[in-house]
Every structure is written in structure tokens, then in C-alpha cells.
Amino acid sequence: MSDCIFCKIAEKKIPAKIVYEDELVFAFEDMNPQAPVHILVIPKKHIATLLEVSEEDFQIFGHMMKTSTRIAREKGIAGKGFRVITNCNPEGGQVVYHVHQHILGGRQLRGTLG
């Protein structure tokens, strides 16, 4: 999608601090971190919201979760704990309409968003 900021980041048209990349997903540091570790994991395929995930996309979402736990281990937050969040639509807190997971950790998280 030509106007999607996350698509542009995945295509490396916009710079980001890349944490991980493979054929299905792309992970980078959040530009406005809410915790000492705040990484976004996105599918390379543009999917606007969780409501648009099809059965064909299930492999991608399983891979996103596997990637999130891998990153948590690599960043040293897995042992003490971390949070993985996916927001959906405005009242769910979604701001960028390219589905993504937030990995948050590195401090005691409280409430629903850290």
C-alpha cells in the first residue's frame, strides 16, 4: 500500500532501527517507546487490521508470535516478563493501519498498555 508508513519502513524507504527481518516479517524499534524495550513486529504483507486477517494469513501471525518471543529472548526481557499487544481500530488504540505487534518490556508493566 503506497501511503502506509509501515510498508515504507519494511521496503526501507523510511529509515528505522531494524531488529529482525525475514521473508514474512519485519521488526524495528518503536519511534515513541513506552518501555525500555519497545519493538514493533509487522507482516511484510499489508493487512490493515486484525479484522482483515484471512485463513491464508494464519501462518504469518504464528510466525509473528514466534518472532516476538525470539526478540524478547535476544533483548534479555523474556526471563522477567514482557507484553505482546496488537491493537485493532480506534477504540482499541490502533494508530497505524498495518497490523502489528508491540513487544514491551524492560520494566514492571502496569495497566493495559504498560
PDB file of N, CA and C in Angstrom:
ATOM      1  N   MET A   1       0.858  -1.180   0.000  1.00  0.00           N
ATOM      2  CA  MET A   1       0.000   0.000   0.000  1.00  0.00           C
ATOM      3  C   MET A   1       0.898   1.236   0.000  1.00  0.00           C
ATOM      4  N   SER A   2       0.706   2.109  -0.939  1.00  0.00           N
ATOM      5  CA  SER A   2       1.643   3.197  -1.192  1.00  0.00           C
ATOM      6  C   SER A   2       1.720   4.253  -0.094  1.00  0.00           C
ATOM      7  N   ASP A   3       0.663   4.472   0.669  1.00  0.00           N
ATOM      8  CA  ASP A   3       0.702   5.520   1.688  1.00  0.00           C
ATOM      9  C   ASP A   3       0.897   4.984   3.103  1.00  0.00           C
ATOM     10  N   CYS A   4       1.150   3.695   3.252  1.00  0.00           N
ATOM     11  CA  CYS A   4       1.305   3.075   4.572  1.00  0.00           C
ATOM     12  C   CYS A   4       2.739   3.263   5.073  1.00  0.00           C
ATOM     13  N   ILE A   5       2.880   3.912   6.215  1.00  0.00           N
ATOM     14  CA  ILE A   5       4.218   4.166   6.769  1.00  0.00           C
ATOM     15  C   ILE A   5       4.953   2.868   7.096  1.00  0.00           C
ATOM     16  N   PHE A   6       4.233   1.843   7.593  1.00  0.00           N
ATOM     17  CA  PHE A   6       4.906   0.586   7.922  1.00  0.00           C
ATOM     18  C   PHE A   6       5.344  -0.147   6.655  1.00  0.00           C
ATOM     19  N   CYS A   7       4.578  -0.067   5.577  1.00  0.00           N
ATOM     20  CA  CYS A   7       5.022  -0.660   4.309  1.00  0.00           C
ATOM     21  C   CYS A   7       6.294   0.034   3.841  1.00  0.00           C
ATOM     22  N   LYS A   8       6.335   1.350   3.980  1.00  0.00           N
ATOM     23  CA  LYS A   8       7.517   2.107   3.564  1.00  0.00           C
ATOM     24  C   LYS A   8       8.729   1.747   4.415  1.00  0.00           C
ATOM     25  N   ILE A   9       8.517   1.513   5.706  1.00  0.00           N
ATOM     26  CA  ILE A   9       9.622   1.092   6.581  1.00  0.00           C
ATOM     27  C   ILE A   9      10.110  -0.295   6.160  1.00  0.00           C
ATOM     28  N   ALA A  10       9.173  -1.226   5.914  1.00  0.00           N
ATOM     29  CA  ALA A  10       9.550  -2.583   5.505  1.00  0.00           C
ATOM     30  C   ALA A  10      10.270  -2.587   4.155  1.00  0.00           C
ATOM     31  N   GLU A  11       9.911  -1.645   3.280  1.00  0.00           N
ATOM     32  CA  GLU A  11      10.565  -1.521   1.979  1.00  0.00           C
ATOM     33  C   GLU A  11      11.864  -0.707   2.067  1.00  0.00           C
ATOM     34  N   LYS A  12      12.166  -0.249   3.278  1.00  0.00           N
ATOM     35  CA  LYS A  12      13.370   0.539   3.573  1.00  0.00           C
ATOM     36  C   LYS A  12      13.394   1.869   2.837  1.00  0.00           C
ATOM     37  N   LYS A  13      12.209   2.411   2.608  1.00  0.00           N
ATOM     38  CA  LYS A  13      12.078   3.748   2.033  1.00  0.00           C
ATOM     39  C   LYS A  13      12.097   4.810   3.129  1.00  0.00           C
ATOM     40  N   ILE A  14      11.801   4.384   4.359  1.00  0.00           N
ATOM     41  CA  ILE A  14      11.864   5.239   5.544  1.00  0.00           C
ATOM     42  C   ILE A  14      12.806   4.548   6.516  1.00  0.00           C
ATOM     43  N   PRO A  15      13.785   5.268   7.076  1.00  0.00           N
ATOM     44  CA  PRO A  15      14.735   4.623   7.982  1.00  0.00           C
ATOM     45  C   PRO A  15      14.084   4.190   9.301  1.00  0.00           C
ATOM     46  N   ALA A  16      14.592   3.101   9.824  1.00  0.00           N
ATOM     47  CA  ALA A  16      14.157   2.592  11.126  1.00  0.00           C
ATOM     48  C   ALA A  16      15.304   1.792  11.722  1.00  0.00           C
ATOM     49  N   LYS A  17      15.274   1.630  13.043  1.00  0.00           N
ATOM     50  CA  LYS A  17      16.277   0.798  13.720  1.00  0.00           C
ATOM     51  C   LYS A  17      15.792  -0.651  13.652  1.00  0.00           C
ATOM     52  N   ILE A  18      16.295  -1.358  12.659  1.00  0.00           N
ATOM     53  CA  ILE A  18      15.852  -2.723  12.372  1.00  0.00           C
ATOM     54  C   ILE A  18      16.387  -3.674  13.431  1.00  0.00           C
ATOM     55  N   VAL A  19      15.495  -4.537  13.919  1.00  0.00           N
ATOM     56  CA  VAL A  19      15.844  -5.543  14.915  1.00  0.00           C
ATOM     57  C   VAL A  19      15.885  -6.934  14.287  1.00  0.00           C
ATOM     58  N   TYR A  20      14.982  -7.183  13.321  1.00  0.00           N
ATOM     59  CA  TYR A  20      14.874  -8.513  12.710  1.00  0.00           C
ATOM     60  C   TYR A  20      14.147  -8.385  11.376  1.00  0.00           C
ATOM     61  N   GLU A  21      14.535  -9.265  10.442  1.00  0.00           N
ATOM     62  CA  GLU A  21      13.837  -9.316   9.159  1.00  0.00           C
ATOM     63  C   GLU A  21      13.997 -10.701   8.569  1.00  0.00           C
ATOM     64  N   ASP A  22      12.923 -11.225   7.989  1.00  0.00           N
ATOM     65  CA  ASP A  22      12.973 -12.439   7.190  1.00  0.00           C
ATOM     66  C   ASP A  22      11.961 -12.303   6.061  1.00  0.00           C
ATOM     67  N   GLU A  23      11.607 -13.382   5.414  1.00  0.00           N
ATOM     68  CA  GLU A  23      10.726 -13.295   4.247  1.00  0.00           C
ATOM     69  C   GLU A  23       9.285 -12.908   4.587  1.00  0.00           C
ATOM     70  N   LEU A  24       8.866 -13.110   5.837  1.00  0.00           N
ATOM     71  CA  LEU A  24       7.472 -12.842   6.217  1.00  0.00           C
ATOM     72  C   LEU A  24       7.272 -11.604   7.070  1.00  0.00           C
ATOM     73  N   VAL A  25       8.252 -11.302   7.932  1.00  0.00           N
ATOM     74  CA  VAL A  25       8.053 -10.230   8.909  1.00  0.00           C
ATOM     75  C   VAL A  25       9.247  -9.286   8.970  1.00  0.00           C
ATOM     76  N   PHE A  26       8.987  -8.152   9.601  1.00  0.00           N
ATOM     77  CA  PHE A  26       9.989  -7.107   9.776  1.00  0.00           C
ATOM     78  C   PHE A  26       9.801  -6.573  11.186  1.00  0.00           C
ATOM     79  N   ALA A  27      10.873  -6.375  11.941  1.00  0.00           N
ATOM     80  CA  ALA A  27      10.775  -5.854  13.310  1.00  0.00           C
ATOM     81  C   ALA A  27      11.728  -4.678  13.473  1.00  0.00           C
ATOM     82  N   PHE A  28      11.238  -3.646  14.170  1.00  0.00           N
ATOM     83  CA  PHE A  28      12.037  -2.439  14.355  1.00  0.00           C
ATOM     84  C   PHE A  28      11.647  -1.759  15.657  1.00  0.00           C
ATOM     85  N   GLU A  29      12.539  -0.906  16.156  1.00  0.00           N
ATOM     86  CA  GLU A  29      12.286  -0.185  17.399  1.00  0.00           C
ATOM     87  C   GLU A  29      11.194   0.858  17.192  1.00  0.00           C
ATOM     88  N   ASP A  30      10.294   0.964  18.178  1.00  0.00           N
ATOM     89  CA  ASP A  30       9.240   1.975  18.118  1.00  0.00           C
ATOM     90  C   ASP A  30       9.854   3.363  18.243  1.00  0.00           C
ATOM     91  N   MET A  31       9.375   4.299  17.450  1.00  0.00           N
ATOM     92  CA  MET A  31       9.912   5.668  17.468  1.00  0.00           C
ATOM     93  C   MET A  31       9.479   6.449  18.708  1.00  0.00           C
ATOM     94  N   ASN A  32       8.431   5.975  19.390  1.00  0.00           N
ATOM     95  CA  ASN A  32       7.928   6.615  20.604  1.00  0.00           C
ATOM     96  C   ASN A  32       7.798   5.542  21.686  1.00  0.00           C
ATOM     97  N   PRO A  33       8.920   5.035  22.212  1.00  0.00           N
ATOM     98  CA  PRO A  33       8.873   3.879  23.111  1.00  0.00           C
ATOM     99  C   PRO A  33       8.108   4.150  24.410  1.00  0.00           C
ATOM    100  N   GLN A  34       7.319   3.143  24.800  1.00  0.00           N
ATOM    101  CA  GLN A  34       6.543   3.199  26.033  1.00  0.00           C
ATOM    102  C   GLN A  34       7.179   2.367  27.145  1.00  0.00           C
ATOM    103  N   ALA A  35       8.310   1.749  26.856  1.00  0.00           N
ATOM    104  CA  ALA A  35       9.063   0.938  27.818  1.00  0.00           C
ATOM    105  C   ALA A  35      10.512   0.909  27.335  1.00  0.00           C
ATOM    106  N   PRO A  36      11.453   0.500  28.203  1.00  0.00           N
ATOM    107  CA  PRO A  36      12.852   0.432  27.774  1.00  0.00           C
ATOM    108  C   PRO A  36      13.051  -0.409  26.510  1.00  0.00           C
ATOM    109  N   VAL A  37      12.299  -1.485  26.389  1.00  0.00           N
ATOM    110  CA  VAL A  37      12.276  -2.267  25.150  1.00  0.00           C
ATOM    111  C   VAL A  37      10.879  -2.106  24.558  1.00  0.00           C
ATOM    112  N   HIS A  38      10.807  -1.576  23.353  1.00  0.00           N
ATOM    113  CA  HIS A  38       9.530  -1.412  22.648  1.00  0.00           C
ATOM    114  C   HIS A  38       9.806  -1.629  21.164  1.00  0.00           C
ATOM    115  N   ILE A  39       9.496  -2.836  20.718  1.00  0.00           N
ATOM    116  CA  ILE A  39       9.762  -3.264  19.344  1.00  0.00           C
ATOM    117  C   ILE A  39       8.422  -3.521  18.656  1.00  0.00           C
ATOM    118  N   LEU A  40       8.333  -3.158  17.389  1.00  0.00           N
ATOM    119  CA  LEU A  40       7.158  -3.464  16.582  1.00  0.00           C
ATOM    120  C   LEU A  40       7.503  -4.592  15.625  1.00  0.00           C
ATOM    121  N   VAL A  41       6.605  -5.569  15.525  1.00  0.00           N
ATOM    122  CA  VAL A  41       6.746  -6.665  14.576  1.00  0.00           C
ATOM    123  C   VAL A  41       5.584  -6.552  13.598  1.00  0.00           C
ATOM    124  N   ILE A  42       5.909  -6.447  12.302  1.00  0.00           N
ATOM    125  CA  ILE A  42       4.872  -6.292  11.284  1.00  0.00           C
ATOM    126  C   ILE A  42       5.006  -7.386  10.229  1.00  0.00           C
ATOM    127  N   PRO A  43       3.884  -7.777   9.630  1.00  0.00           N
ATOM    128  CA  PRO A  43       3.999  -8.650   8.465  1.00  0.00           C
ATOM    129  C   PRO A  43       4.430  -7.809   7.267  1.00  0.00           C
ATOM    130  N   LYS A  44       5.205  -8.383   6.368  1.00  0.00           N
ATOM    131  CA  LYS A  44       5.571  -7.649   5.159  1.00  0.00           C
ATOM    132  C   LYS A  44       4.350  -7.458   4.260  1.00  0.00           C
ATOM    133  N   LYS A  45       3.423  -8.382   4.341  1.00  0.00           N
ATOM    134  CA  LYS A  45       2.163  -8.255   3.602  1.00  0.00           C
ATOM    135  C   LYS A  45       1.316  -7.189   4.286  1.00  0.00           C
ATOM    136  N   HIS A  46       0.764  -6.268   3.525  1.00  0.00           N
ATOM    137  CA  HIS A  46      -0.089  -5.235   4.118  1.00  0.00           C
ATOM    138  C   HIS A  46      -1.449  -5.830   4.471  1.00  0.00           C
ATOM    139  N   ILE A  47      -1.755  -5.796   5.771  1.00  0.00           N
ATOM    140  CA  ILE A  47      -3.060  -6.177   6.298  1.00  0.00           C
ATOM    141  C   ILE A  47      -3.427  -5.051   7.241  1.00  0.00           C
ATOM    142  N   ALA A  48      -4.523  -4.355   6.986  1.00  0.00           N
ATOM    143  CA  ALA A  48      -4.840  -3.138   7.733  1.00  0.00           C
ATOM    144  C   ALA A  48      -5.155  -3.391   9.205  1.00  0.00           C
ATOM    145  N   THR A  49      -6.014  -4.349   9.519  1.00  0.00           N
ATOM    146  CA  THR A  49      -6.405  -4.615  10.903  1.00  0.00           C
ATOM    147  C   THR A  49      -6.529  -6.116  11.138  1.00  0.00           C
ATOM    148  N   LEU A  50      -6.659  -6.497  12.392  1.00  0.00           N
ATOM    149  CA  LEU A  50      -6.882  -7.911  12.728  1.00  0.00           C
ATOM    150  C   LEU A  50      -8.153  -8.437  12.079  1.00  0.00           C
ATOM    151  N   LEU A  51      -9.117  -7.568  11.856  1.00  0.00           N
ATOM    152  CA  LEU A  51     -10.381  -7.987  11.258  1.00  0.00           C
ATOM    153  C   LEU A  51     -10.228  -8.411   9.803  1.00  0.00           C
ATOM    154  N   GLU A  52      -9.117  -8.066   9.191  1.00  0.00           N
ATOM    155  CA  GLU A  52      -8.874  -8.420   7.790  1.00  0.00           C
ATOM    156  C   GLU A  52      -7.962  -9.629   7.630  1.00  0.00           C
ATOM    157  N   VAL A  53      -7.578 -10.256   8.716  1.00  0.00           N
ATOM    158  CA  VAL A  53      -6.712 -11.438   8.646  1.00  0.00           C
ATOM    159  C   VAL A  53      -7.530 -12.607   8.096  1.00  0.00           C
ATOM    160  N   SER A  54      -7.009 -13.232   7.047  1.00  0.00           N
ATOM    161  CA  SER A  54      -7.688 -14.381   6.446  1.00  0.00           C
ATOM    162  C   SER A  54      -7.028 -15.681   6.905  1.00  0.00           C
ATOM    163  N   GLU A  55      -7.652 -16.797   6.584  1.00  0.00           N
ATOM    164  CA  GLU A  55      -7.062 -18.086   6.941  1.00  0.00           C
ATOM    165  C   GLU A  55      -5.679 -18.258   6.315  1.00  0.00           C
ATOM    166  N   GLU A  56      -5.490 -17.694   5.133  1.00  0.00           N
ATOM    167  CA  GLU A  56      -4.193 -17.778   4.472  1.00  0.00           C
ATOM    168  C   GLU A  56      -3.109 -17.031   5.252  1.00  0.00           C
ATOM    169  N   ASP A  57      -3.528 -16.081   6.094  1.00  0.00           N
ATOM    170  CA  ASP A  57      -2.582 -15.273   6.865  1.00  0.00           C
ATOM    171  C   ASP A  57      -2.213 -15.887   8.214  1.00  0.00           C
ATOM    172  N   PHE A  58      -2.841 -16.989   8.600  1.00  0.00           N
ATOM    173  CA  PHE A  58      -2.573 -17.575   9.911  1.00  0.00           C
ATOM    174  C   PHE A  58      -1.097 -17.926  10.090  1.00  0.00           C
ATOM    175  N   GLN A  59      -0.441 -18.427   9.052  1.00  0.00           N
ATOM    176  CA  GLN A  59       0.977 -18.758   9.152  1.00  0.00           C
ATOM    177  C   GLN A  59       1.791 -17.512   9.501  1.00  0.00           C
ATOM    178  N   ILE A  60       1.444 -16.391   8.891  1.00  0.00           N
ATOM    179  CA  ILE A  60       2.154 -15.141   9.156  1.00  0.00           C
ATOM    180  C   ILE A  60       2.015 -14.764  10.628  1.00  0.00           C
ATOM    181  N   PHE A  61       0.805 -14.902  11.176  1.00  0.00           N
ATOM    182  CA  PHE A  61       0.592 -14.475  12.557  1.00  0.00           C
ATOM    183  C   PHE A  61       1.231 -15.412  13.562  1.00  0.00           C
ATOM    184  N   GLY A  62       1.280 -16.685  13.266  1.00  0.00           N
ATOM    185  CA  GLY A  62       2.043 -17.601  14.109  1.00  0.00           C
ATOM    186  C   GLY A  62       3.522 -17.256  14.076  1.00  0.00           C
ATOM    187  N   HIS A  63       3.997 -16.901  12.899  1.00  0.00           N
ATOM    188  CA  HIS A  63       5.403 -16.518  12.735  1.00  0.00           C
ATOM    189  C   HIS A  63       5.696 -15.202  13.460  1.00  0.00           C
ATOM    190  N   MET A  64       4.754 -14.277  13.448  1.00  0.00           N
ATOM    191  CA  MET A  64       4.927 -13.019  14.190  1.00  0.00           C
ATOM    192  C   MET A  64       5.101 -13.301  15.680  1.00  0.00           C
ATOM    193  N   MET A  65       4.282 -14.200  16.235  1.00  0.00           N
ATOM    194  CA  MET A  65       4.390 -14.518  17.663  1.00  0.00           C
ATOM    195  C   MET A  65       5.724 -15.197  17.960  1.00  0.00           C
ATOM    196  N   LYS A  66       6.129 -16.107  17.098  1.00  0.00           N
ATOM    197  CA  LYS A  66       7.430 -16.771  17.269  1.00  0.00           C
ATOM    198  C   LYS A  66       8.552 -15.739  17.219  1.00  0.00           C
ATOM    199  N   THR A  67       8.447 -14.783  16.300  1.00  0.00           N
ATOM    200  CA  THR A  67       9.447 -13.723  16.185  1.00  0.00           C
ATOM    201  C   THR A  67       9.460 -12.849  17.427  1.00  0.00           C
ATOM    202  N   SER A  68       8.283 -12.530  17.959  1.00  0.00           N
ATOM    203  CA  SER A  68       8.194 -11.702  19.165  1.00  0.00           C
ATOM    204  C   SER A  68       8.890 -12.375  20.345  1.00  0.00           C
ATOM    205  N   THR A  69       8.683 -13.673  20.525  1.00  0.00           N
ATOM    206  CA  THR A  69       9.337 -14.359  21.647  1.00  0.00           C
ATOM    207  C   THR A  69      10.844 -14.461  21.416  1.00  0.00           C
ATOM    208  N   ARG A  70      11.243 -14.639  20.168  1.00  0.00           N
ATOM    209  CA  ARG A  70      12.681 -14.674  19.845  1.00  0.00           C
ATOM    210  C   ARG A  70      13.337 -13.337  20.198  1.00  0.00           C
ATOM    211  N   ILE A  71      12.693 -12.240  19.808  1.00  0.00           N
ATOM    212  CA  ILE A  71      13.229 -10.910  20.096  1.00  0.00           C
ATOM    213  C   ILE A  71      13.270 -10.662  21.599  1.00  0.00           C
ATOM    214  N   ALA A  72      12.228 -11.081  22.319  1.00  0.00           N
ATOM    215  CA  ALA A  72      12.211 -10.913  23.780  1.00  0.00           C
ATOM    216  C   ALA A  72      13.408 -11.622  24.415  1.00  0.00           C
ATOM    217  N   ARG A  73      13.717 -12.809  23.939  1.00  0.00           N
ATOM    218  CA  ARG A  73      14.889 -13.528  24.457  1.00  0.00           C
ATOM    219  C   ARG A  73      16.175 -12.769  24.120  1.00  0.00           C
ATOM    220  N   GLU A  74      16.293 -12.338  22.855  1.00  0.00           N
ATOM    221  CA  GLU A  74      17.510 -11.644  22.423  1.00  0.00           C
ATOM    222  C   GLU A  74      17.707 -10.322  23.156  1.00  0.00           C
ATOM    223  N   LYS A  75      16.625  -9.637  23.505  1.00  0.00           N
ATOM    224  CA  LYS A  75      16.717  -8.354  24.205  1.00  0.00           C
ATOM    225  C   LYS A  75      16.852  -8.528  25.715  1.00  0.00           C
ATOM    226  N   GLY A  76      16.807  -9.775  26.206  1.00  0.00           N
ATOM    227  CA  GLY A  76      17.012 -10.047  27.623  1.00  0.00           C
ATOM    228  C   GLY A  76      15.817  -9.759  28.513  1.00  0.00           C
ATOM    229  N   ILE A  77      14.619  -9.722  27.940  1.00  0.00           N
ATOM    230  CA  ILE A  77      13.429  -9.423  28.751  1.00  0.00           C
ATOM    231  C   ILE A  77      12.529 -10.641  28.965  1.00  0.00           C
ATOM    232  N   ALA A  78      12.844 -11.754  28.333  1.00  0.00           N
ATOM    233  CA  ALA A  78      11.975 -12.926  28.419  1.00  0.00           C
ATOM    234  C   ALA A  78      11.878 -13.479  29.841  1.00  0.00           C
ATOM    235  N   GLY A  79      12.991 -13.551  30.544  1.00  0.00           N
ATOM    236  CA  GLY A  79      13.013 -14.148  31.874  1.00  0.00           C
ATOM    237  C   GLY A  79      12.153 -13.420  32.894  1.00  0.00           C
ATOM    238  N   LYS A  80      12.217 -12.097  32.903  1.00  0.00           N
ATOM    239  CA  LYS A  80      11.449 -11.307  33.876  1.00  0.00           C
ATOM    240  C   LYS A  80      10.022 -11.067  33.411  1.00  0.00           C
ATOM    241  N   GLY A  81       9.801 -11.068  32.109  1.00  0.00           N
ATOM    242  CA  GLY A  81       8.462 -10.898  31.573  1.00  0.00           C
ATOM    243  C   GLY A  81       8.366  -9.763  30.575  1.00  0.00           C
ATOM    244  N   PHE A  82       7.397  -9.879  29.699  1.00  0.00           N
ATOM    245  CA  PHE A  82       7.169  -8.883  28.664  1.00  0.00           C
ATOM    246  C   PHE A  82       5.718  -8.974  28.223  1.00  0.00           C
ATOM    247  N   ARG A  83       5.314  -8.046  27.390  1.00  0.00           N
ATOM    248  CA  ARG A  83       3.942  -7.993  26.900  1.00  0.00           C
ATOM    249  C   ARG A  83       3.973  -7.903  25.380  1.00  0.00           C
ATOM    250  N   VAL A  84       3.032  -8.602  24.726  1.00  0.00           N
ATOM    251  CA  VAL A  84       2.837  -8.500  23.286  1.00  0.00           C
ATOM    252  C   VAL A  84       1.408  -8.006  23.083  1.00  0.00           C
ATOM    253  N   ILE A  85       1.276  -6.884  22.381  1.00  0.00           N
ATOM    254  CA  ILE A  85      -0.031  -6.239  22.199  1.00  0.00           C
ATOM    255  C   ILE A  85      -0.293  -6.033  20.716  1.00  0.00           C
ATOM    256  N   THR A  86      -1.526  -6.296  20.307  1.00  0.00           N
ATOM    257  CA  THR A  86      -1.998  -5.930  18.974  1.00  0.00           C
ATOM    258  C   THR A  86      -3.268  -5.120  19.152  1.00  0.00           C
ATOM    259  N   ASN A  87      -3.242  -3.888  18.707  1.00  0.00           N
ATOM    260  CA  ASN A  87      -4.407  -3.005  18.801  1.00  0.00           C
ATOM    261  C   ASN A  87      -5.232  -3.113  17.525  1.00  0.00           C
ATOM    262  N   CYS A  88      -6.554  -2.919  17.660  1.00  0.00           N
ATOM    263  CA  CYS A  88      -7.430  -3.006  16.495  1.00  0.00           C
ATOM    264  C   CYS A  88      -8.448  -1.869  16.501  1.00  0.00           C
ATOM    265  N   ASN A  89      -8.373  -1.049  15.474  1.00  0.00           N
ATOM    266  CA  ASN A  89      -9.302   0.070  15.253  1.00  0.00           C
ATOM    267  C   ASN A  89      -9.165   1.156  16.324  1.00  0.00           C
ATOM    268  N   PRO A  90      -9.831   2.287  16.147  1.00  0.00           N
ATOM    269  CA  PRO A  90      -9.590   3.460  17.004  1.00  0.00           C
ATOM    270  C   PRO A  90      -9.781   3.229  18.504  1.00  0.00           C
ATOM    271  N   GLU A  91     -10.884   2.623  18.913  1.00  0.00           N
ATOM    272  CA  GLU A  91     -11.100   2.426  20.349  1.00  0.00           C
ATOM    273  C   GLU A  91     -10.168   1.385  20.942  1.00  0.00           C
ATOM    274  N   GLY A  92      -9.561   0.564  20.092  1.00  0.00           N
ATOM    275  CA  GLY A  92      -8.561  -0.399  20.543  1.00  0.00           C
ATOM    276  C   GLY A  92      -7.164   0.189  20.563  1.00  0.00           C
ATOM    277  N   GLY A  93      -7.038   1.446  20.148  1.00  0.00           N
ATOM    278  CA  GLY A  93      -5.754   2.132  20.201  1.00  0.00           C
ATOM    279  C   GLY A  93      -4.909   2.029  18.940  1.00  0.00           C
ATOM    280  N   GLN A  94      -5.473   1.484  17.855  1.00  0.00           N
ATOM    281  CA  GLN A  94      -4.688   1.376  16.621  1.00  0.00           C
ATOM    282  C   GLN A  94      -4.541   2.748  15.981  1.00  0.00           C
ATOM    283  N   VAL A  95      -3.297   3.098  15.667  1.00  0.00           N
ATOM    284  CA  VAL A  95      -2.986   4.392  15.053  1.00  0.00           C
ATOM    285  C   VAL A  95      -2.534   4.197  13.606  1.00  0.00           C
ATOM    286  N   VAL A  96      -1.688   3.185  13.373  1.00  0.00           N
ATOM    287  CA  VAL A  96      -1.224   2.882  12.026  1.00  0.00           C
ATOM    288  C   VAL A  96      -2.008   1.674  11.529  1.00  0.00           C
ATOM    289  N   TYR A  97      -2.620   1.803  10.365  1.00  0.00           N
ATOM    290  CA  TYR A  97      -3.463   0.735   9.836  1.00  0.00           C
ATOM    291  C   TYR A  97      -2.672  -0.229   8.955  1.00  0.00           C
ATOM    292  N   HIS A  98      -1.736  -0.882   9.625  1.00  0.00           N
ATOM    293  CA  HIS A  98      -0.978  -2.031   9.126  1.00  0.00           C
ATOM    294  C   HIS A  98      -0.800  -2.866  10.387  1.00  0.00           C
ATOM    295  N   VAL A  99      -1.458  -3.990  10.458  1.00  0.00           N
ATOM    296  CA  VAL A  99      -1.482  -4.771  11.694  1.00  0.00           C
ATOM    297  C   VAL A  99      -0.053  -5.009  12.197  1.00  0.00           C
ATOM    298  N   HIS A 100       0.115  -4.934  13.519  1.00  0.00           N
ATOM    299  CA  HIS A 100       1.446  -5.074  14.103  1.00  0.00           C
ATOM    300  C   HIS A 100       1.344  -5.489  15.564  1.00  0.00           C
ATOM    301  N   GLN A 101       2.436  -6.047  16.056  1.00  0.00           N
ATOM    302  CA  GLN A 101       2.557  -6.414  17.460  1.00  0.00           C
ATOM    303  C   GLN A 101       3.561  -5.487  18.120  1.00  0.00           C
ATOM    304  N   HIS A 102       3.206  -5.042  19.320  1.00  0.00           N
ATOM    305  CA  HIS A 102       4.134  -4.289  20.162  1.00  0.00           C
ATOM    306  C   HIS A 102       4.738  -5.282  21.148  1.00  0.00           C
ATOM    307  N   ILE A 103       6.061  -5.311  21.239  1.00  0.00           N
ATOM    308  CA  ILE A 103       6.743  -6.071  22.291  1.00  0.00           C
ATOM    309  C   ILE A 103       7.218  -5.029  23.296  1.00  0.00           C
ATOM    310  N   LEU A 104       6.753  -5.142  24.540  1.00  0.00           N
ATOM    311  CA  LEU A 104       7.105  -4.189  25.594  1.00  0.00           C
ATOM    312  C   LEU A 104       7.746  -4.923  26.763  1.00  0.00           C
ATOM    313  N   GLY A 105       8.830  -4.370  27.276  1.00  0.00           N
ATOM    314  CA  GLY A 105       9.464  -4.972  28.442  1.00  0.00           C
ATOM    315  C   GLY A 105      10.619  -4.127  28.932  1.00  0.00           C
ATOM    316  N   GLY A 106      11.313  -4.666  29.918  1.00  0.00           N
ATOM    317  CA  GLY A 106      12.462  -3.971  30.475  1.00  0.00           C
ATOM    318  C   GLY A 106      12.143  -3.187  31.723  1.00  0.00           C
ATOM    319  N   ARG A 107      10.895  -3.253  32.188  1.00  0.00           N
ATOM    320  CA  ARG A 107      10.480  -2.649  33.450  1.00  0.00           C
ATOM    321  C   ARG A 107       9.160  -3.310  33.867  1.00  0.00           C
ATOM    322  N   GLN A 108       8.733  -3.029  35.093  1.00  0.00           N
ATOM    323  CA  GLN A 108       7.443  -3.549  35.563  1.00  0.00           C
ATOM    324  C   GLN A 108       6.328  -2.862  34.761  1.00  0.00           C
ATOM    325  N   LEU A 109       5.526  -3.661  34.064  1.00  0.00           N
ATOM    326  CA  LEU A 109       4.420  -3.116  33.281  1.00  0.00           C
ATOM    327  C   LEU A 109       3.142  -3.126  34.102  1.00  0.00           C
ATOM    328  N   ARG A 110       2.402  -2.051  34.023  1.00  0.00           N
ATOM    329  CA  ARG A 110       1.142  -1.927  34.747  1.00  0.00           C
ATOM    330  C   ARG A 110       0.046  -1.557  33.782  1.00  0.00           C
ATOM    331  N   GLY A 111      -1.188  -1.765  34.181  1.00  0.00           N
ATOM    332  CA  GLY A 111      -2.319  -1.387  33.333  1.00  0.00           C
ATOM    333  C   GLY A 111      -2.354  -2.193  32.051  1.00  0.00           C
ATOM    334  N   THR A 112      -3.039  -1.658  31.060  1.00  0.00           N
ATOM    335  CA  THR A 112      -3.216  -2.400  29.817  1.00  0.00           C
ATOM    336  C   THR A 112      -2.182  -2.085  28.758  1.00  0.00           C
ATOM    337  N   LEU A 113      -1.520  -0.941  28.849  1.00  0.00           N
ATOM    338  CA  LEU A 113      -0.552  -0.583  27.805  1.00  0.00           C
ATOM    339  C   LEU A 113       0.873  -0.453  28.320  1.00  0.00           C
ATOM    340  N   GLY A 114       1.103  -0.672  29.543  1.00  0.00           N
ATOM    341  CA  GLY A 114       2.472  -0.628  30.026  1.00  0.00           C
ATOM    342  C   GLY A 114       2.780   0.606  30.779  1.00  0.00           C
TER     343      GLY A 114
END
